[in-house]
Amino acid sequence: MSDATLLLAQIESGDSTAAAQLLALLYDELRKLATNKNGPRSPGPHFTTDRARS
């Protein structure tokens, strides 16, 4: 079983900490997918300036 599947089973069993663990696991996986798709970014805020001001 995957970690996510085990955490879902724990949530069904009433484990109050499993939801936070699942969220952290999913967040890490989404960050990895985004990095693979978009490439690494430097830390700090990122702004786009592609719209002209009126």
C-alpha atoms as a PDB file:
ATOM      1  CA  MET A   1       0.000   0.000   0.000  1.00  0.00           C
ATOM      2  CA  SER A   2       1.144   3.532  -0.690  1.00  0.00           C
ATOM      3  CA  ASP A   3       1.611   6.078   2.073  1.00  0.00           C
ATOM      4  CA  ALA A   4      -1.452   7.969   0.873  1.00  0.00           C
ATOM      5  CA  THR A   5      -3.601   4.837   0.997  1.00  0.00           C
ATOM      6  CA  LEU A   6      -2.435   4.055   4.516  1.00  0.00           C
ATOM      7  CA  LEU A   7      -3.156   7.603   5.648  1.00  0.00           C
ATOM      8  CA  LEU A   8      -6.645   7.460   4.120  1.00  0.00           C
ATOM      9  CA  ALA A   9      -7.314   4.239   6.039  1.00  0.00           C
ATOM     10  CA  GLN A  10      -6.099   5.913   9.233  1.00  0.00           C
ATOM     11  CA  ILE A  11      -8.420   8.868   8.606  1.00  0.00           C
ATOM     12  CA  GLU A  12     -11.345   6.452   8.221  1.00  0.00           C
ATOM     13  CA  SER A  13     -10.328   4.830  11.514  1.00  0.00           C
ATOM     14  CA  GLY A  14     -10.531   8.184  13.283  1.00  0.00           C
ATOM     15  CA  ASP A  15      -6.838   9.124  13.478  1.00  0.00           C
ATOM     16  CA  SER A  16      -6.926  12.889  13.977  1.00  0.00           C
ATOM     17  CA  THR A  17      -3.324  13.443  12.847  1.00  0.00           C
ATOM     18  CA  ALA A  18      -3.544  11.451   9.614  1.00  0.00           C
ATOM     19  CA  ALA A  19      -5.286  14.249   7.685  1.00  0.00           C
ATOM     20  CA  ALA A  20      -2.432  16.682   8.365  1.00  0.00           C
ATOM     21  CA  GLN A  21       0.104  14.036   7.358  1.00  0.00           C
ATOM     22  CA  LEU A  22      -1.801  13.342   4.135  1.00  0.00           C
ATOM     23  CA  LEU A  23      -1.955  17.042   3.305  1.00  0.00           C
ATOM     24  CA  ALA A  24       1.802  17.387   3.821  1.00  0.00           C
ATOM     25  CA  LEU A  25       2.456  14.339   1.642  1.00  0.00           C
ATOM     26  CA  LEU A  26       0.239  15.618  -1.171  1.00  0.00           C
ATOM     27  CA  TYR A  27       1.708  19.120  -0.973  1.00  0.00           C
ATOM     28  CA  ASP A  28       5.245  17.740  -1.334  1.00  0.00           C
ATOM     29  CA  GLU A  29       4.198  15.644  -4.331  1.00  0.00           C
ATOM     30  CA  LEU A  30       2.482  18.610  -6.007  1.00  0.00           C
ATOM     31  CA  ARG A  31       5.590  20.758  -5.504  1.00  0.00           C
ATOM     32  CA  LYS A  32       7.725  18.049  -7.145  1.00  0.00           C
ATOM     33  CA  LEU A  33       5.354  17.836 -10.104  1.00  0.00           C
ATOM     34  CA  ALA A  34       5.326  21.620 -10.516  1.00  0.00           C
ATOM     35  CA  THR A  35       9.126  21.791 -10.360  1.00  0.00           C
ATOM     36  CA  ASN A  36       9.436  19.079 -12.994  1.00  0.00           C
ATOM     37  CA  LYS A  37       6.973  20.867 -15.254  1.00  0.00           C
ATOM     38  CA  ASN A  38       8.070  24.480 -14.736  1.00  0.00           C
ATOM     39  CA  GLY A  39      11.672  24.150 -13.634  1.00  0.00           C
ATOM     40  CA  PRO A  40      13.160  25.294 -10.336  1.00  0.00           C
ATOM     41  CA  ARG A  41      12.467  28.828  -9.083  1.00  0.00           C
ATOM     42  CA  SER A  42      14.535  31.039  -6.902  1.00  0.00           C
ATOM     43  CA  PRO A  43      13.113  31.784  -3.454  1.00  0.00           C
ATOM     44  CA  GLY A  44      11.051  34.910  -2.930  1.00  0.00           C
ATOM     45  CA  PRO A  45       8.021  36.497  -4.550  1.00  0.00           C
ATOM     46  CA  HIS A  46       7.451  36.185  -8.273  1.00  0.00           C
ATOM     47  CA  PHE A  47       5.514  38.742 -10.263  1.00  0.00           C
ATOM     48  CA  THR A  48       4.571  38.874 -13.910  1.00  0.00           C
ATOM     49  CA  THR A  49       4.743  42.163 -15.774  1.00  0.00           C
ATOM     50  CA  ASP A  50       3.233  41.128 -19.085  1.00  0.00           C
ATOM     51  CA  ARG A  51       0.224  43.477 -18.823  1.00  0.00           C
ATOM     52  CA  ALA A  52       0.681  47.089 -19.790  1.00  0.00           C
ATOM     53  CA  ARG A  53      -0.488  49.757 -17.381  1.00  0.00           C
ATOM     54  CA  SER A  54      -3.092  52.236 -18.564  1.00  0.00           C
END
